[in-house]
Amino acid sequence: MRTALEQGTQAHGFEADLWTLERVGLVVERVTGVSLSRASVWRPLTSRLGSSLQRPERRAVKRDESEIARWIAHEWPRIKKGR
């Protein structure tokens, strides 16, 4: 099972390179023929394979780094002075 997971998600037909419990469960079912609940997928991932819960960093699609830098440099000091 470890080998199948190490191949990555795209090797198993998923577009995004992100493992979820549902995806791991599907791969387990394809490889072994055994259908597992989410809890049954989670236990071996954490205990035997050493995986941990990780959440993707969320960022706004329209995030403007230069505007954020300008705000921190000019607006934030002005707001802080008003305290």
N, C-alpha and C. Protein backbone atom coordinates (compact mmCIF):
# COMPACT_ATOMS: atom_id res chain seq x y z
N MET A 1 0.81 -1.18 0.00
CA MET A 1 0.00 0.00 0.00
C MET A 1 0.87 1.26 0.00
N ARG A 2 1.95 1.23 0.77
CA ARG A 2 2.86 2.37 0.84
C ARG A 2 3.37 2.73 -0.56
N THR A 3 3.71 1.73 -1.35
CA THR A 3 4.22 1.98 -2.70
C THR A 3 3.18 2.68 -3.56
N ALA A 4 1.95 2.26 -3.46
CA ALA A 4 0.88 2.89 -4.25
C ALA A 4 0.72 4.35 -3.87
N LEU A 5 0.79 4.67 -2.58
CA LEU A 5 0.65 6.05 -2.13
C LEU A 5 1.87 6.89 -2.50
N GLU A 6 3.04 6.29 -2.46
CA GLU A 6 4.26 7.02 -2.82
C GLU A 6 4.31 7.38 -4.29
N GLN A 7 3.54 6.70 -5.12
CA GLN A 7 3.48 7.02 -6.55
C GLN A 7 2.82 8.38 -6.78
N GLY A 8 2.06 8.85 -5.81
CA GLY A 8 1.40 10.15 -5.92
C GLY A 8 -0.02 10.02 -6.44
N THR A 9 -0.74 11.09 -6.28
CA THR A 9 -2.16 11.08 -6.65
C THR A 9 -2.37 11.00 -8.15
N GLN A 10 -1.52 11.68 -8.90
CA GLN A 10 -1.70 11.72 -10.35
C GLN A 10 -1.50 10.35 -10.99
N ALA A 11 -0.68 9.52 -10.39
CA ALA A 11 -0.49 8.16 -10.90
C ALA A 11 -1.76 7.33 -10.76
N HIS A 12 -2.67 7.80 -9.91
CA HIS A 12 -3.93 7.09 -9.70
C HIS A 12 -5.12 7.81 -10.32
N GLY A 13 -4.84 8.77 -11.19
CA GLY A 13 -5.90 9.42 -11.95
C GLY A 13 -6.50 10.67 -11.35
N PHE A 14 -5.92 11.20 -10.27
CA PHE A 14 -6.44 12.42 -9.68
C PHE A 14 -5.67 13.61 -10.25
N GLU A 15 -6.37 14.72 -10.49
CA GLU A 15 -5.73 15.89 -11.08
C GLU A 15 -4.82 16.62 -10.10
N ALA A 16 -5.36 16.99 -8.96
CA ALA A 16 -4.58 17.76 -7.98
C ALA A 16 -3.66 16.81 -7.19
N ASP A 17 -2.47 17.28 -6.88
CA ASP A 17 -1.51 16.47 -6.15
C ASP A 17 -1.73 16.63 -4.65
N LEU A 18 -2.86 16.10 -4.18
CA LEU A 18 -3.25 16.22 -2.78
C LEU A 18 -3.97 14.95 -2.37
N TRP A 19 -3.46 14.32 -1.31
CA TRP A 19 -4.12 13.13 -0.79
C TRP A 19 -5.21 13.53 0.19
N THR A 20 -6.37 12.95 0.06
CA THR A 20 -7.46 13.10 1.04
C THR A 20 -7.81 11.70 1.52
N LEU A 21 -8.54 11.61 2.62
CA LEU A 21 -8.94 10.29 3.12
C LEU A 21 -9.77 9.55 2.08
N GLU A 22 -10.63 10.30 1.37
CA GLU A 22 -11.46 9.66 0.35
C GLU A 22 -10.59 9.08 -0.76
N ARG A 23 -9.59 9.83 -1.19
CA ARG A 23 -8.72 9.36 -2.27
C ARG A 23 -7.90 8.15 -1.82
N VAL A 24 -7.37 8.20 -0.61
CA VAL A 24 -6.60 7.06 -0.10
C VAL A 24 -7.51 5.84 -0.02
N GLY A 25 -8.75 6.05 0.45
CA GLY A 25 -9.70 4.94 0.51
C GLY A 25 -9.99 4.33 -0.84
N LEU A 26 -10.11 5.19 -1.88
CA LEU A 26 -10.34 4.68 -3.23
C LEU A 26 -9.15 3.86 -3.73
N VAL A 27 -7.95 4.35 -3.47
CA VAL A 27 -6.75 3.63 -3.92
C VAL A 27 -6.64 2.31 -3.17
N VAL A 28 -6.91 2.31 -1.88
CA VAL A 28 -6.89 1.05 -1.10
C VAL A 28 -7.89 0.07 -1.70
N GLU A 29 -9.08 0.55 -2.04
CA GLU A 29 -10.09 -0.33 -2.61
C GLU A 29 -9.66 -0.86 -3.97
N ARG A 30 -9.07 0.00 -4.80
CA ARG A 30 -8.60 -0.45 -6.12
C ARG A 30 -7.50 -1.49 -6.01
N VAL A 31 -6.57 -1.27 -5.09
CA VAL A 31 -5.40 -2.15 -4.98
C VAL A 31 -5.74 -3.46 -4.27
N THR A 32 -6.53 -3.37 -3.19
CA THR A 32 -6.77 -4.55 -2.37
C THR A 32 -8.17 -5.15 -2.53
N GLY A 33 -9.10 -4.33 -3.05
CA GLY A 33 -10.48 -4.80 -3.15
C GLY A 33 -11.25 -4.64 -1.85
N VAL A 34 -10.63 -4.01 -0.84
CA VAL A 34 -11.27 -3.83 0.46
C VAL A 34 -11.72 -2.39 0.59
N SER A 35 -12.99 -2.19 0.94
CA SER A 35 -13.54 -0.85 1.15
C SER A 35 -13.43 -0.49 2.63
N LEU A 36 -12.83 0.67 2.92
CA LEU A 36 -12.62 1.08 4.30
C LEU A 36 -13.37 2.38 4.59
N SER A 37 -13.76 2.55 5.85
CA SER A 37 -14.36 3.82 6.28
C SER A 37 -13.23 4.85 6.41
N ARG A 38 -13.62 6.13 6.55
CA ARG A 38 -12.61 7.19 6.71
C ARG A 38 -11.75 6.94 7.94
N ALA A 39 -12.35 6.53 9.04
CA ALA A 39 -11.60 6.25 10.27
C ALA A 39 -10.62 5.10 10.06
N SER A 40 -11.07 4.09 9.31
CA SER A 40 -10.20 2.94 9.05
C SER A 40 -9.06 3.30 8.12
N VAL A 41 -9.23 4.32 7.31
CA VAL A 41 -8.14 4.79 6.44
C VAL A 41 -7.17 5.62 7.28
N TRP A 42 -7.70 6.44 8.18
CA TRP A 42 -6.89 7.37 8.97
C TRP A 42 -5.92 6.64 9.90
N ARG A 43 -6.38 5.61 10.59
CA ARG A 43 -5.54 4.92 11.57
C ARG A 43 -4.23 4.40 11.00
N PRO A 44 -4.24 3.63 9.91
CA PRO A 44 -2.94 3.15 9.40
C PRO A 44 -2.09 4.27 8.81
N LEU A 45 -2.71 5.30 8.27
CA LEU A 45 -1.93 6.41 7.72
C LEU A 45 -1.10 7.06 8.81
N THR A 46 -1.67 7.24 9.98
CA THR A 46 -0.95 7.92 11.06
C THR A 46 -0.05 6.98 11.83
N SER A 47 -0.51 5.77 12.12
CA SER A 47 0.28 4.87 12.96
C SER A 47 1.38 4.14 12.20
N ARG A 48 1.06 3.59 11.05
CA ARG A 48 2.04 2.78 10.31
C ARG A 48 2.85 3.56 9.29
N LEU A 49 2.21 4.52 8.64
CA LEU A 49 2.90 5.24 7.56
C LEU A 49 3.44 6.59 8.01
N GLY A 50 3.14 7.00 9.24
CA GLY A 50 3.69 8.23 9.79
C GLY A 50 3.15 9.51 9.18
N SER A 51 1.99 9.46 8.56
CA SER A 51 1.39 10.66 7.98
C SER A 51 0.77 11.52 9.07
N SER A 52 0.56 12.78 8.76
CA SER A 52 -0.10 13.67 9.70
C SER A 52 -1.08 14.55 8.95
N LEU A 53 -2.01 15.15 9.69
CA LEU A 53 -2.99 16.03 9.10
C LEU A 53 -2.30 17.30 8.62
N GLN A 54 -2.50 17.65 7.39
CA GLN A 54 -1.95 18.88 6.83
C GLN A 54 -3.04 19.53 6.00
N ARG A 55 -3.17 20.81 6.18
CA ARG A 55 -4.17 21.55 5.42
C ARG A 55 -3.46 22.49 4.45
N PRO A 56 -3.96 22.57 3.24
CA PRO A 56 -3.34 23.49 2.28
C PRO A 56 -3.49 24.93 2.75
N GLU A 57 -2.47 25.73 2.50
CA GLU A 57 -2.54 27.15 2.84
C GLU A 57 -3.53 27.82 1.91
N ARG A 58 -4.43 28.56 2.49
CA ARG A 58 -5.45 29.23 1.68
C ARG A 58 -5.02 30.66 1.42
N ARG A 59 -5.10 31.07 0.17
CA ARG A 59 -4.78 32.43 -0.22
C ARG A 59 -5.86 32.94 -1.16
N ALA A 60 -6.14 34.21 -1.03
CA ALA A 60 -7.13 34.81 -1.91
C ALA A 60 -6.64 34.77 -3.35
N VAL A 61 -7.53 34.48 -4.28
CA VAL A 61 -7.17 34.41 -5.69
C VAL A 61 -6.70 35.76 -6.20
N LYS A 62 -7.36 36.82 -5.73
CA LYS A 62 -7.03 38.17 -6.20
C LYS A 62 -6.07 38.90 -5.26
N ARG A 63 -5.27 38.18 -4.52
CA ARG A 63 -4.33 38.76 -3.57
C ARG A 63 -3.31 39.62 -4.30
N ASP A 64 -3.12 40.85 -3.84
CA ASP A 64 -2.20 41.80 -4.47
C ASP A 64 -1.08 42.09 -3.48
N GLU A 65 0.05 41.40 -3.63
CA GLU A 65 1.17 41.51 -2.70
C GLU A 65 1.69 42.94 -2.60
N SER A 66 1.75 43.67 -3.71
CA SER A 66 2.27 45.04 -3.67
C SER A 66 1.33 45.95 -2.89
N GLU A 67 0.03 45.74 -3.02
CA GLU A 67 -0.94 46.54 -2.26
C GLU A 67 -0.85 46.21 -0.77
N ILE A 68 -0.63 44.97 -0.45
CA ILE A 68 -0.48 44.57 0.95
C ILE A 68 0.77 45.23 1.55
N ALA A 69 1.88 45.19 0.82
CA ALA A 69 3.11 45.82 1.28
C ALA A 69 2.92 47.33 1.47
N ARG A 70 2.22 47.98 0.54
CA ARG A 70 1.95 49.41 0.65
C ARG A 70 1.11 49.70 1.89
N TRP A 71 0.09 48.89 2.14
CA TRP A 71 -0.78 49.09 3.29
C TRP A 71 0.00 48.95 4.59
N ILE A 72 0.85 47.91 4.66
CA ILE A 72 1.65 47.69 5.87
C ILE A 72 2.63 48.85 6.10
N ALA A 73 3.22 49.36 5.03
CA ALA A 73 4.21 50.43 5.15
C ALA A 73 3.58 51.78 5.46
N HIS A 74 2.40 52.06 4.95
CA HIS A 74 1.83 53.41 5.07
C HIS A 74 0.60 53.48 5.97
N GLU A 75 -0.34 52.58 5.78
CA GLU A 75 -1.61 52.66 6.53
C GLU A 75 -1.48 52.13 7.95
N TRP A 76 -0.83 51.00 8.11
CA TRP A 76 -0.73 50.40 9.44
C TRP A 76 -0.03 51.32 10.44
N PRO A 77 1.12 51.96 10.10
CA PRO A 77 1.72 52.90 11.06
C PRO A 77 0.78 54.06 11.42
N ARG A 78 0.03 54.54 10.45
CA ARG A 78 -0.90 55.63 10.70
C ARG A 78 -2.00 55.18 11.66
N ILE A 79 -2.49 53.97 11.49
CA ILE A 79 -3.53 53.44 12.37
C ILE A 79 -2.97 53.22 13.78
N LYS A 80 -1.76 52.69 13.88
CA LYS A 80 -1.14 52.45 15.18
C LYS A 80 -0.94 53.74 15.97
N LYS A 81 -0.59 54.83 15.29
CA LYS A 81 -0.37 56.12 15.95
C LYS A 81 -1.66 56.64 16.57
N GLY A 82 -2.79 56.28 16.00
CA GLY A 82 -4.08 56.74 16.49
C GLY A 82 -4.50 56.12 17.81
N ARG A 83 -3.77 55.16 18.31
CA ARG A 83 -4.13 54.50 19.56
C ARG A 83 -3.98 55.40 20.74
